[in-house]
Amino acid sequence: MHAVVLVGGFGTRLRPLTFKTPKPLLPVGNLALLERLMMSLAKGGVTHAVLSLGFKPEPFLNAFPTNQCAGVELSYAVEDRPLDTSGAIGFAARQAGIYSRGETFVVANGDILTDLDVAKLISFHRSAKAKGTIHLTPVADPSQYGVVETETSGKVIRFVEKPGAGETLSRHVNGGTYIFEASALERMPGTAPLSIERETFPEMVRHGELFAYPTDDYWIDAGRPDTYVRSNVELLSRKSIYQVTPIDSTARIDQSAIITQSTIGPGCVVGARAQIVRSVLIAGAKVDADAVVIDSAVMGHIATFAQISSCLIGADGEVGSGAVLRDAKIPDPN
């Protein structure tokens, strides 16, 4: 089975981490987010994925030089201009030959981490004889999302954007994994910008073609600073389909350092009495003696006695000795 994986975003919310590393290649539990997604897709029967890109594929080619990721064969569809979600799917699916072969295929957003059983989603899609099926996930506060209402059969009735109190009983939102029949690509020509959420899905609802499959599996959009750090931390303590290595074997950590609910990447250095709490140190990061890092992601250098909380420190980021920072991004991405 084939998949289209949307990885064309610029990772703006995660800058400066994404200045040199595309968001899907950032590590979660010391393994690229994209690789964890591919593990899930492979478990569901996907053998080939076309990565839908809005820029050059070189970072992905360097990361996966054999064009294989978690046993899934990779190819690339590079847009010459932004096509939005539906446009990107249509373009990439045609590049991969999915449309011409008339195949059922999977679409996945590249910044989602979930324990969804993709095989069960595909099975439901086929049993419903749907043209398209959306995975739904529950949220505590639906007022911040676009909520999906369905019939008992799973057929989608309508979308309610950021509902007010009493406007809907649904607490299910779009989980970012879809199954489509190739015929759905007639609504996604891939030649001009087109939104799947605002245009394609509502059109499919009007024609009774769209179904939804809710699950209560673990799900997180790892594309924001807080959720990116949280996805790393939560992976350490929960049962998951994913394996995790909290501390890479090449990291150098002083015996007196305190590491709490954190992941430490390859080549990282943590000095004497430093404290790393609910944080992510990405390959090559350096935290000097007596520094404190809390709820943060670090690629660069934290000097002695510095304290950072809820910060993103890029590869060229330097936090000086004794500095105290909260909610900062270094270097400034603006």
C-alpha atoms as a PDB file:
ATOM      1  CA  MET A   1       0.000   0.000   0.000  1.00  0.00           C
ATOM      2  CA  HIS A   2       1.095   3.561  -0.765  1.00  0.00           C
ATOM      3  CA  ALA A   3       1.029   6.639   1.447  1.00  0.00           C
ATOM      4  CA  VAL A   4       1.352  10.371   0.881  1.00  0.00           C
ATOM      5  CA  VAL A   5       3.117  12.027   3.810  1.00  0.00           C
ATOM      6  CA  LEU A   6       2.797  15.795   4.120  1.00  0.00           C
ATOM      7  CA  VAL A   7       6.157  17.225   5.185  1.00  0.00           C
ATOM      8  CA  GLY A   8       6.136  20.477   3.235  1.00  0.00           C
ATOM      9  CA  GLY A   9       5.705  22.939   6.112  1.00  0.00           C
ATOM     10  CA  PHE A  10       8.440  25.371   7.054  1.00  0.00           C
ATOM     11  CA  GLY A  11       8.388  24.488  10.764  1.00  0.00           C
ATOM     12  CA  THR A  12       7.875  28.152  11.666  1.00  0.00           C
ATOM     13  CA  ARG A  13       6.552  27.467  15.164  1.00  0.00           C
ATOM     14  CA  LEU A  14       9.631  25.397  16.044  1.00  0.00           C
ATOM     15  CA  ARG A  15      12.228  27.891  14.884  1.00  0.00           C
ATOM     16  CA  PRO A  16      15.159  28.128  15.598  1.00  0.00           C
ATOM     17  CA  LEU A  17      15.283  24.307  15.879  1.00  0.00           C
ATOM     18  CA  THR A  18      14.142  24.102  12.266  1.00  0.00           C
ATOM     19  CA  PHE A  19      16.619  26.603  10.805  1.00  0.00           C
ATOM     20  CA  LYS A  20      18.793  23.701   9.615  1.00  0.00           C
ATOM     21  CA  THR A  21      16.672  20.623  10.396  1.00  0.00           C
ATOM     22  CA  PRO A  22      13.220  20.101   8.822  1.00  0.00           C
ATOM     23  CA  LYS A  23      10.551  19.552  11.463  1.00  0.00           C
ATOM     24  CA  PRO A  24       9.883  15.879  10.520  1.00  0.00           C
ATOM     25  CA  LEU A  25      13.570  15.103  11.094  1.00  0.00           C
ATOM     26  CA  LEU A  26      13.641  16.476  14.641  1.00  0.00           C
ATOM     27  CA  PRO A  27      14.092  13.649  17.152  1.00  0.00           C
ATOM     28  CA  VAL A  28      11.396  12.281  19.436  1.00  0.00           C
ATOM     29  CA  GLY A  29      12.954   9.858  21.868  1.00  0.00           C
ATOM     30  CA  ASN A  30      16.201  10.016  19.847  1.00  0.00           C
ATOM     31  CA  LEU A  31      14.527   8.899  16.623  1.00  0.00           C
ATOM     32  CA  ALA A  32      13.300  11.240  13.895  1.00  0.00           C
ATOM     33  CA  LEU A  33       9.597  12.066  14.106  1.00  0.00           C
ATOM     34  CA  LEU A  34       9.252  10.958  10.468  1.00  0.00           C
ATOM     35  CA  GLU A  35      10.829   7.590  11.265  1.00  0.00           C
ATOM     36  CA  ARG A  36       8.345   6.997  14.088  1.00  0.00           C
ATOM     37  CA  LEU A  37       5.501   7.850  11.705  1.00  0.00           C
ATOM     38  CA  MET A  38       6.886   5.422   9.114  1.00  0.00           C
ATOM     39  CA  MET A  39       7.043   2.668  11.732  1.00  0.00           C
ATOM     40  CA  SER A  40       3.318   3.179  12.332  1.00  0.00           C
ATOM     41  CA  LEU A  41       2.508   3.212   8.616  1.00  0.00           C
ATOM     42  CA  ALA A  42       4.618   0.105   7.987  1.00  0.00           C
ATOM     43  CA  LYS A  43       2.787  -1.719  10.765  1.00  0.00           C
ATOM     44  CA  GLY A  44      -0.455  -0.832   8.944  1.00  0.00           C
ATOM     45  CA  GLY A  45       0.745  -2.336   5.662  1.00  0.00           C
ATOM     46  CA  VAL A  46       2.304   0.667   3.906  1.00  0.00           C
ATOM     47  CA  THR A  47       5.286  -0.319   1.757  1.00  0.00           C
ATOM     48  CA  HIS A  48       5.905   2.930  -0.138  1.00  0.00           C
ATOM     49  CA  ALA A  49       5.526   6.577   0.874  1.00  0.00           C
ATOM     50  CA  VAL A  50       5.870   9.674  -1.250  1.00  0.00           C
ATOM     51  CA  LEU A  51       7.007  12.664   0.788  1.00  0.00           C
ATOM     52  CA  SER A  52       5.195  15.822  -0.274  1.00  0.00           C
ATOM     53  CA  LEU A  53       7.721  18.673  -0.045  1.00  0.00           C
ATOM     54  CA  GLY A  54       7.541  22.393  -0.564  1.00  0.00           C
ATOM     55  CA  PHE A  55      11.307  22.726  -0.848  1.00  0.00           C
ATOM     56  CA  LYS A  56      14.374  20.718  -1.791  1.00  0.00           C
ATOM     57  CA  PRO A  57      14.584  17.100  -0.553  1.00  0.00           C
ATOM     58  CA  GLU A  58      18.315  17.122   0.293  1.00  0.00           C
ATOM     59  CA  PRO A  59      17.941  16.913   4.113  1.00  0.00           C
ATOM     60  CA  PHE A  60      15.700  13.861   3.701  1.00  0.00           C
ATOM     61  CA  LEU A  61      18.017  12.273   1.125  1.00  0.00           C
ATOM     62  CA  ASN A  62      20.910  12.759   3.561  1.00  0.00           C
ATOM     63  CA  ALA A  63      18.898  11.294   6.447  1.00  0.00           C
ATOM     64  CA  PHE A  64      17.741   8.278   4.409  1.00  0.00           C
ATOM     65  CA  PRO A  65      20.410   7.737   1.706  1.00  0.00           C
ATOM     66  CA  THR A  66      19.020   4.330   0.696  1.00  0.00           C
ATOM     67  CA  ASN A  67      15.508   5.786   0.189  1.00  0.00           C
ATOM     68  CA  GLN A  68      14.266   3.486   2.939  1.00  0.00           C
ATOM     69  CA  CYS A  69      12.787   4.524   6.283  1.00  0.00           C
ATOM     70  CA  ALA A  70      11.584   1.931   8.813  1.00  0.00           C
ATOM     71  CA  GLY A  71      11.328  -0.562   5.965  1.00  0.00           C
ATOM     72  CA  VAL A  72       9.180   1.786   3.845  1.00  0.00           C
ATOM     73  CA  GLU A  73      10.443   2.804   0.400  1.00  0.00           C
ATOM     74  CA  LEU A  74      10.601   6.594  -0.025  1.00  0.00           C
ATOM     75  CA  SER A  75      10.130   8.839  -3.040  1.00  0.00           C
ATOM     76  CA  TYR A  76       9.710  12.604  -3.279  1.00  0.00           C
ATOM     77  CA  ALA A  77       7.244  15.050  -4.814  1.00  0.00           C
ATOM     78  CA  VAL A  78       8.659  18.591  -4.721  1.00  0.00           C
ATOM     79  CA  GLU A  79       6.205  21.422  -5.420  1.00  0.00           C
ATOM     80  CA  ASP A  80       7.396  24.412  -7.428  1.00  0.00           C
ATOM     81  CA  ARG A  81       4.935  26.581  -5.466  1.00  0.00           C
ATOM     82  CA  PRO A  82       2.853  26.057  -2.294  1.00  0.00           C
ATOM     83  CA  LEU A  83      -0.244  23.980  -3.079  1.00  0.00           C
ATOM     84  CA  ASP A  84      -1.867  23.784   0.388  1.00  0.00           C
ATOM     85  CA  THR A  85      -2.976  20.419   1.788  1.00  0.00           C
ATOM     86  CA  SER A  86      -5.359  19.126  -0.866  1.00  0.00           C
ATOM     87  CA  GLY A  87      -3.238  20.461  -3.705  1.00  0.00           C
ATOM     88  CA  ALA A  88      -0.165  18.791  -2.221  1.00  0.00           C
ATOM     89  CA  ILE A  89      -1.933  15.443  -1.868  1.00  0.00           C
ATOM     90  CA  GLY A  90      -3.187  15.546  -5.449  1.00  0.00           C
ATOM     91  CA  PHE A  91       0.237  16.489  -6.797  1.00  0.00           C
ATOM     92  CA  ALA A  92       2.161  13.888  -4.780  1.00  0.00           C
ATOM     93  CA  ALA A  93      -0.315  11.069  -5.468  1.00  0.00           C
ATOM     94  CA  ARG A  94      -0.026  11.645  -9.205  1.00  0.00           C
ATOM     95  CA  GLN A  95       3.767  11.810  -8.995  1.00  0.00           C
ATOM     96  CA  ALA A  96       3.721   8.407  -7.283  1.00  0.00           C
ATOM     97  CA  GLY A  97       1.335   6.873  -9.828  1.00  0.00           C
ATOM     98  CA  ILE A  98      -1.429   6.288  -7.265  1.00  0.00           C
ATOM     99  CA  TYR A  99      -4.103   7.998  -9.349  1.00  0.00           C
ATOM    100  CA  SER A 100      -3.296   6.148 -12.567  1.00  0.00           C
ATOM    101  CA  ARG A 101      -3.300   2.776 -10.778  1.00  0.00           C
ATOM    102  CA  GLY A 102      -6.625   3.444  -9.036  1.00  0.00           C
ATOM    103  CA  GLU A 103      -5.350   2.397  -5.603  1.00  0.00           C
ATOM    104  CA  THR A 104      -6.558   2.941  -2.054  1.00  0.00           C
ATOM    105  CA  PHE A 105      -3.928   5.018  -0.245  1.00  0.00           C
ATOM    106  CA  VAL A 106      -3.065   6.586   3.107  1.00  0.00           C
ATOM    107  CA  VAL A 107      -2.376  10.257   3.821  1.00  0.00           C
ATOM    108  CA  ALA A 108      -0.528  11.277   6.983  1.00  0.00           C
ATOM    109  CA  ASN A 109       0.591  14.609   8.389  1.00  0.00           C
ATOM    110  CA  GLY A 110       4.311  14.526   9.124  1.00  0.00           C
ATOM    111  CA  ASP A 111       4.151  16.215  12.527  1.00  0.00           C
ATOM    112  CA  ILE A 112       1.645  13.851  14.178  1.00  0.00           C
ATOM    113  CA  LEU A 113       2.730  11.213  16.688  1.00  0.00           C
ATOM    114  CA  THR A 114       0.047   8.603  17.377  1.00  0.00           C
ATOM    115  CA  ASP A 115      -0.417   4.972  18.351  1.00  0.00           C
ATOM    116  CA  LEU A 116      -3.281   4.658  15.849  1.00  0.00           C
ATOM    117  CA  ASP A 117      -3.639   1.187  14.304  1.00  0.00           C
ATOM    118  CA  VAL A 118      -3.548   2.166  10.630  1.00  0.00           C
ATOM    119  CA  ALA A 119      -4.646  -1.330   9.538  1.00  0.00           C
ATOM    120  CA  LYS A 120      -7.897  -0.949  11.523  1.00  0.00           C
ATOM    121  CA  LEU A 121      -8.490   2.459   9.955  1.00  0.00           C
ATOM    122  CA  ILE A 122      -8.069   0.936   6.494  1.00  0.00           C
ATOM    123  CA  SER A 123     -10.396  -1.955   7.400  1.00  0.00           C
ATOM    124  CA  PHE A 124     -13.126   0.440   8.561  1.00  0.00           C
ATOM    125  CA  HIS A 125     -12.743   2.536   5.410  1.00  0.00           C
ATOM    126  CA  ARG A 126     -13.257  -0.503   3.221  1.00  0.00           C
ATOM    127  CA  SER A 127     -16.176  -1.874   5.222  1.00  0.00           C
ATOM    128  CA  ALA A 128     -17.914   1.516   5.014  1.00  0.00           C
ATOM    129  CA  LYS A 129     -17.309   1.619   1.243  1.00  0.00           C
ATOM    130  CA  ALA A 130     -16.133   5.186   1.746  1.00  0.00           C
ATOM    131  CA  LYS A 131     -14.360   7.359  -0.776  1.00  0.00           C
ATOM    132  CA  GLY A 132     -12.502   9.015   2.080  1.00  0.00           C
ATOM    133  CA  THR A 133     -12.093   8.322   5.814  1.00  0.00           C
ATOM    134  CA  ILE A 134     -10.693  10.626   8.520  1.00  0.00           C
ATOM    135  CA  HIS A 135      -9.164   9.417  11.766  1.00  0.00           C
ATOM    136  CA  LEU A 136     -10.741  11.292  14.683  1.00  0.00           C
ATOM    137  CA  THR A 137      -9.263  11.870  18.123  1.00  0.00           C
ATOM    138  CA  PRO A 138     -11.049  13.240  21.236  1.00  0.00           C
ATOM    139  CA  VAL A 139     -10.051  16.526  22.896  1.00  0.00           C
ATOM    140  CA  ALA A 140     -10.998  17.952  26.276  1.00  0.00           C
ATOM    141  CA  ASP A 141     -11.746  21.452  24.943  1.00  0.00           C
ATOM    142  CA  PRO A 142     -13.224  21.382  21.433  1.00  0.00           C
ATOM    143  CA  SER A 143     -13.549  25.189  21.288  1.00  0.00           C
ATOM    144  CA  GLN A 144      -9.968  25.437  19.999  1.00  0.00           C
ATOM    145  CA  TYR A 145     -10.442  23.017  17.104  1.00  0.00           C
ATOM    146  CA  GLY A 146     -12.538  22.145  14.105  1.00  0.00           C
ATOM    147  CA  VAL A 147     -14.947  19.506  15.443  1.00  0.00           C
ATOM    148  CA  VAL A 148     -16.328  16.652  13.291  1.00  0.00           C
ATOM    149  CA  GLU A 149     -19.925  15.429  13.670  1.00  0.00           C
ATOM    150  CA  THR A 150     -20.903  11.979  12.371  1.00  0.00           C
ATOM    151  CA  GLU A 151     -23.840   9.622  12.059  1.00  0.00           C
ATOM    152  CA  THR A 152     -23.711   6.313  13.967  1.00  0.00           C
ATOM    153  CA  SER A 153     -22.473   4.676  10.736  1.00  0.00           C
ATOM    154  CA  GLY A 154     -19.455   6.979  10.747  1.00  0.00           C
ATOM    155  CA  LYS A 155     -20.640   9.126   7.845  1.00  0.00           C
ATOM    156  CA  VAL A 156     -19.543  12.711   8.394  1.00  0.00           C
ATOM    157  CA  ILE A 157     -22.438  15.170   8.786  1.00  0.00           C
ATOM    158  CA  ARG A 158     -20.612  18.456   9.207  1.00  0.00           C
ATOM    159  CA  PHE A 159     -17.560  20.305  10.484  1.00  0.00           C
ATOM    160  CA  VAL A 160     -17.938  22.889  13.250  1.00  0.00           C
ATOM    161  CA  GLU A 161     -15.012  25.308  13.496  1.00  0.00           C
ATOM    162  CA  LYS A 162     -14.127  26.310  17.079  1.00  0.00           C
ATOM    163  CA  PRO A 163     -17.621  25.664  18.454  1.00  0.00           C
ATOM    164  CA  GLY A 164     -19.116  27.754  21.234  1.00  0.00           C
ATOM    165  CA  ALA A 165     -20.850  26.322  24.301  1.00  0.00           C
ATOM    166  CA  GLY A 166     -23.797  24.117  23.314  1.00  0.00           C
ATOM    167  CA  GLU A 167     -23.076  24.350  19.596  1.00  0.00           C
ATOM    168  CA  THR A 168     -22.140  20.679  19.250  1.00  0.00           C
ATOM    169  CA  LEU A 169     -22.016  17.498  21.331  1.00  0.00           C
ATOM    170  CA  SER A 170     -18.973  16.186  19.504  1.00  0.00           C
ATOM    171  CA  ARG A 171     -15.513  16.301  21.068  1.00  0.00           C
ATOM    172  CA  HIS A 172     -13.782  14.612  18.144  1.00  0.00           C
ATOM    173  CA  VAL A 173     -11.348  16.468  15.903  1.00  0.00           C
ATOM    174  CA  ASN A 174      -9.420  15.649  12.751  1.00  0.00           C
ATOM    175  CA  GLY A 175      -6.445  13.455  13.724  1.00  0.00           C
ATOM    176  CA  GLY A 176      -4.467  14.075  10.523  1.00  0.00           C
ATOM    177  CA  THR A 177      -4.472  10.524   9.107  1.00  0.00           C
ATOM    178  CA  TYR A 178      -6.754   9.744   6.159  1.00  0.00           C
ATOM    179  CA  ILE A 179      -7.613   6.881   3.819  1.00  0.00           C
ATOM    180  CA  PHE A 180      -8.691   7.701   0.273  1.00  0.00           C
ATOM    181  CA  GLU A 181      -9.788   5.870  -2.816  1.00  0.00           C
ATOM    182  CA  ALA A 182      -7.932   7.036  -5.911  1.00  0.00           C
ATOM    183  CA  SER A 183     -11.245   8.369  -7.248  1.00  0.00           C
ATOM    184  CA  ALA A 184     -11.174  11.008  -4.477  1.00  0.00           C
ATOM    185  CA  LEU A 185      -8.238  12.563  -6.317  1.00  0.00           C
ATOM    186  CA  GLU A 186     -10.705  13.896  -8.867  1.00  0.00           C
ATOM    187  CA  ARG A 187     -11.454  16.512  -6.198  1.00  0.00           C
ATOM    188  CA  MET A 188      -7.709  17.102  -5.675  1.00  0.00           C
ATOM    189  CA  PRO A 189      -6.242  17.930  -9.103  1.00  0.00           C
ATOM    190  CA  GLY A 190      -2.893  19.037  -7.661  1.00  0.00           C
ATOM    191  CA  THR A 191      -2.427  21.895 -10.109  1.00  0.00           C
ATOM    192  CA  ALA A 192      -3.351  24.842  -7.862  1.00  0.00           C
ATOM    193  CA  PRO A 193      -3.569  25.631  -4.125  1.00  0.00           C
ATOM    194  CA  LEU A 194      -6.518  23.858  -2.511  1.00  0.00           C
ATOM    195  CA  SER A 195      -7.369  23.267   1.158  1.00  0.00           C
ATOM    196  CA  ILE A 196      -8.549  19.829   2.215  1.00  0.00           C
ATOM    197  CA  GLU A 197     -10.140  21.142   5.417  1.00  0.00           C
ATOM    198  CA  ARG A 198     -11.960  24.149   3.939  1.00  0.00           C
ATOM    199  CA  GLU A 199     -12.782  22.885   0.452  1.00  0.00           C
ATOM    200  CA  THR A 200     -12.274  19.174  -0.318  1.00  0.00           C
ATOM    201  CA  PHE A 201     -13.722  17.641   2.854  1.00  0.00           C
ATOM    202  CA  PRO A 202     -16.877  19.827   2.870  1.00  0.00           C
ATOM    203  CA  GLU A 203     -17.458  18.963  -0.793  1.00  0.00           C
ATOM    204  CA  MET A 204     -17.129  15.241  -0.011  1.00  0.00           C
ATOM    205  CA  VAL A 205     -19.595  15.639   2.891  1.00  0.00           C
ATOM    206  CA  ARG A 206     -22.142  17.252   0.566  1.00  0.00           C
ATOM    207  CA  HIS A 207     -21.944  14.155  -1.659  1.00  0.00           C
ATOM    208  CA  GLY A 208     -22.040  11.626   1.213  1.00  0.00           C
ATOM    209  CA  GLU A 209     -18.526  10.361   0.419  1.00  0.00           C
ATOM    210  CA  LEU A 210     -16.690  11.062   3.671  1.00  0.00           C
ATOM    211  CA  PHE A 211     -16.601   8.848   6.769  1.00  0.00           C
ATOM    212  CA  ALA A 212     -14.746   9.117  10.071  1.00  0.00           C
ATOM    213  CA  TYR A 213     -13.195   6.619  12.470  1.00  0.00           C
ATOM    214  CA  PRO A 214     -12.739   7.756  16.096  1.00  0.00           C
ATOM    215  CA  THR A 215     -10.216   6.144  18.428  1.00  0.00           C
ATOM    216  CA  ASP A 216      -8.843   7.001  21.848  1.00  0.00           C
ATOM    217  CA  ASP A 217      -5.233   6.143  20.966  1.00  0.00           C
ATOM    218  CA  TYR A 218      -2.377   8.355  22.073  1.00  0.00           C
ATOM    219  CA  TRP A 219      -2.192  11.367  19.747  1.00  0.00           C
ATOM    220  CA  ILE A 220      -0.191  14.577  19.749  1.00  0.00           C
ATOM    221  CA  ASP A 221       0.616  17.303  17.228  1.00  0.00           C
ATOM    222  CA  ALA A 222       4.357  17.600  17.841  1.00  0.00           C
ATOM    223  CA  GLY A 223       4.691  20.712  15.698  1.00  0.00           C
ATOM    224  CA  ARG A 224       4.503  23.309  18.487  1.00  0.00           C
ATOM    225  CA  PRO A 225       7.233  24.142  21.030  1.00  0.00           C
ATOM    226  CA  ASP A 226       5.306  22.872  24.057  1.00  0.00           C
ATOM    227  CA  THR A 227       3.956  19.746  22.378  1.00  0.00           C
ATOM    228  CA  TYR A 228       7.290  18.912  20.750  1.00  0.00           C
ATOM    229  CA  VAL A 229       9.000  18.833  24.136  1.00  0.00           C
ATOM    230  CA  ARG A 230       6.007  17.069  25.707  1.00  0.00           C
ATOM    231  CA  SER A 231       5.971  14.347  23.038  1.00  0.00           C
ATOM    232  CA  ASN A 232       9.556  13.457  23.982  1.00  0.00           C
ATOM    233  CA  VAL A 233       8.814  13.446  27.707  1.00  0.00           C
ATOM    234  CA  GLU A 234       5.594  11.442  27.440  1.00  0.00           C
ATOM    235  CA  LEU A 235       7.207   8.787  25.284  1.00  0.00           C
ATOM    236  CA  LEU A 236       9.484   7.944  28.228  1.00  0.00           C
ATOM    237  CA  SER A 237       6.676   6.989  30.573  1.00  0.00           C
ATOM    238  CA  ARG A 238       3.864   5.479  28.515  1.00  0.00           C
ATOM    239  CA  LYS A 239       3.272   2.177  26.797  1.00  0.00           C
ATOM    240  CA  SER A 240       3.649   2.674  23.071  1.00  0.00           C
ATOM    241  CA  ILE A 241       4.177   0.932  19.761  1.00  0.00           C
ATOM    242  CA  TYR A 242       7.457   2.860  19.622  1.00  0.00           C
ATOM    243  CA  GLN A 243      10.804   1.958  21.142  1.00  0.00           C
ATOM    244  CA  VAL A 244      12.724   4.747  22.857  1.00  0.00           C
ATOM    245  CA  THR A 245      16.348   5.315  23.871  1.00  0.00           C
ATOM    246  CA  PRO A 246      16.338   8.057  26.547  1.00  0.00           C
ATOM    247  CA  ILE A 247      20.100   8.649  26.542  1.00  0.00           C
ATOM    248  CA  ASP A 248      22.257   8.001  23.486  1.00  0.00           C
ATOM    249  CA  SER A 249      25.332   5.876  24.161  1.00  0.00           C
ATOM    250  CA  THR A 250      27.646   8.569  22.766  1.00  0.00           C
ATOM    251  CA  ALA A 251      26.421  11.283  25.154  1.00  0.00           C
ATOM    252  CA  ARG A 252      28.856  12.344  27.906  1.00  0.00           C
ATOM    253  CA  ILE A 253      27.110  13.046  31.191  1.00  0.00           C
ATOM    254  CA  ASP A 254      28.918  13.913  34.406  1.00  0.00           C
ATOM    255  CA  GLN A 255      28.113  11.549  37.270  1.00  0.00           C
ATOM    256  CA  SER A 256      26.849  14.420  39.414  1.00  0.00           C
ATOM    257  CA  ALA A 257      24.395  15.713  36.786  1.00  0.00           C
ATOM    258  CA  ILE A 258      20.681  15.140  37.395  1.00  0.00           C
ATOM    259  CA  ILE A 259      18.602  13.940  34.429  1.00  0.00           C
ATOM    260  CA  THR A 260      14.822  13.833  35.031  1.00  0.00           C
ATOM    261  CA  GLN A 261      12.243  12.765  32.405  1.00  0.00           C
ATOM    262  CA  SER A 262      14.485  13.918  29.564  1.00  0.00           C
ATOM    263  CA  THR A 263      16.067  12.622  26.371  1.00  0.00           C
ATOM    264  CA  ILE A 264      19.744  13.164  25.583  1.00  0.00           C
ATOM    265  CA  GLY A 265      20.909  12.847  21.975  1.00  0.00           C
ATOM    266  CA  PRO A 266      24.133  11.708  20.290  1.00  0.00           C
ATOM    267  CA  GLY A 267      27.288  13.608  21.210  1.00  0.00           C
ATOM    268  CA  CYS A 268      25.606  15.743  23.860  1.00  0.00           C
ATOM    269  CA  VAL A 269      27.682  16.906  26.849  1.00  0.00           C
ATOM    270  CA  VAL A 270      26.211  17.567  30.305  1.00  0.00           C
ATOM    271  CA  GLY A 271      28.524  19.060  32.915  1.00  0.00           C
ATOM    272  CA  ALA A 272      28.896  18.583  36.657  1.00  0.00           C
ATOM    273  CA  ARG A 273      25.812  19.248  38.796  1.00  0.00           C
ATOM    274  CA  ALA A 274      23.774  20.353  35.767  1.00  0.00           C
ATOM    275  CA  GLN A 275      20.048  19.619  35.916  1.00  0.00           C
ATOM    276  CA  ILE A 276      18.023  18.554  32.877  1.00  0.00           C
ATOM    277  CA  VAL A 277      14.295  18.348  33.662  1.00  0.00           C
ATOM    278  CA  ARG A 278      11.514  17.344  31.201  1.00  0.00           C
ATOM    279  CA  SER A 279      13.664  18.475  28.308  1.00  0.00           C
ATOM    280  CA  VAL A 280      15.230  17.413  25.007  1.00  0.00           C
ATOM    281  CA  LEU A 281      18.934  17.742  24.265  1.00  0.00           C
ATOM    282  CA  ILE A 282      19.381  17.290  20.517  1.00  0.00           C
ATOM    283  CA  ALA A 283      22.555  15.889  18.939  1.00  0.00           C
ATOM    284  CA  GLY A 284      25.610  17.934  19.843  1.00  0.00           C
ATOM    285  CA  ALA A 285      23.999  20.100  22.539  1.00  0.00           C
ATOM    286  CA  LYS A 286      26.238  21.172  25.396  1.00  0.00           C
ATOM    287  CA  VAL A 287      25.094  22.067  28.923  1.00  0.00           C
ATOM    288  CA  ASP A 288      27.877  23.293  31.197  1.00  0.00           C
ATOM    289  CA  ALA A 289      28.339  22.732  34.924  1.00  0.00           C
ATOM    290  CA  ASP A 290      25.618  23.960  37.311  1.00  0.00           C
ATOM    291  CA  ALA A 291      23.253  24.973  34.488  1.00  0.00           C
ATOM    292  CA  VAL A 292      19.530  24.186  34.734  1.00  0.00           C
ATOM    293  CA  VAL A 293      17.346  23.249  31.745  1.00  0.00           C
ATOM    294  CA  ILE A 294      13.593  22.814  32.313  1.00  0.00           C
ATOM    295  CA  ASP A 295      10.813  22.074  29.773  1.00  0.00           C
ATOM    296  CA  SER A 296      13.085  23.069  26.888  1.00  0.00           C
ATOM    297  CA  ALA A 297      14.674  21.795  23.676  1.00  0.00           C
ATOM    298  CA  VAL A 298      18.364  22.512  23.156  1.00  0.00           C
ATOM    299  CA  MET A 299      20.644  22.133  20.142  1.00  0.00           C
ATOM    300  CA  GLY A 300      23.227  24.733  21.139  1.00  0.00           C
ATOM    301  CA  HIS A 301      25.233  25.716  24.228  1.00  0.00           C
ATOM    302  CA  ILE A 302      24.051  26.519  27.766  1.00  0.00           C
ATOM    303  CA  ALA A 303      26.878  28.038  29.824  1.00  0.00           C
ATOM    304  CA  THR A 304      27.610  27.613  33.547  1.00  0.00           C
ATOM    305  CA  PHE A 305      24.951  28.620  36.077  1.00  0.00           C
ATOM    306  CA  ALA A 306      22.477  29.583  33.334  1.00  0.00           C
ATOM    307  CA  GLN A 307      18.827  28.687  33.904  1.00  0.00           C
ATOM    308  CA  ILE A 308      16.348  28.236  31.072  1.00  0.00           C
ATOM    309  CA  SER A 309      12.686  27.245  31.179  1.00  0.00           C
ATOM    310  CA  SER A 310      10.285  26.601  28.257  1.00  0.00           C
ATOM    311  CA  CYS A 311      12.925  27.675  25.735  1.00  0.00           C
ATOM    312  CA  LEU A 312      14.061  26.621  22.262  1.00  0.00           C
ATOM    313  CA  ILE A 313      17.816  26.910  21.719  1.00  0.00           C
ATOM    314  CA  GLY A 314      18.919  26.390  18.113  1.00  0.00           C
ATOM    315  CA  ALA A 315      22.160  24.904  16.829  1.00  0.00           C
ATOM    316  CA  ASP A 316      23.832  28.340  16.834  1.00  0.00           C
ATOM    317  CA  GLY A 317      22.221  29.359  20.111  1.00  0.00           C
ATOM    318  CA  GLU A 318      24.409  30.522  22.998  1.00  0.00           C
ATOM    319  CA  VAL A 319      23.028  31.135  26.491  1.00  0.00           C
ATOM    320  CA  GLY A 320      25.612  33.003  28.528  1.00  0.00           C
ATOM    321  CA  SER A 321      26.869  32.170  32.000  1.00  0.00           C
ATOM    322  CA  GLY A 322      24.338  33.033  34.705  1.00  0.00           C
ATOM    323  CA  ALA A 323      21.579  34.011  32.256  1.00  0.00           C
ATOM    324  CA  VAL A 324      17.981  33.348  33.318  1.00  0.00           C
ATOM    325  CA  LEU A 325      15.557  32.842  30.408  1.00  0.00           C
ATOM    326  CA  ARG A 326      11.920  31.816  30.145  1.00  0.00           C
ATOM    327  CA  ASP A 327       9.865  31.304  26.946  1.00  0.00           C
ATOM    328  CA  ALA A 328      12.820  32.434  24.846  1.00  0.00           C
ATOM    329  CA  LYS A 329      14.017  31.394  21.395  1.00  0.00           C
ATOM    330  CA  ILE A 330      17.770  31.664  20.778  1.00  0.00           C
ATOM    331  CA  PRO A 331      18.798  32.781  18.174  1.00  0.00           C
ATOM    332  CA  ASP A 332      15.742  35.005  17.731  1.00  0.00           C
ATOM    333  CA  PRO A 333      13.822  33.563  14.734  1.00  0.00           C
ATOM    334  CA  ASN A 334      12.100  36.881  13.912  1.00  0.00           C
END
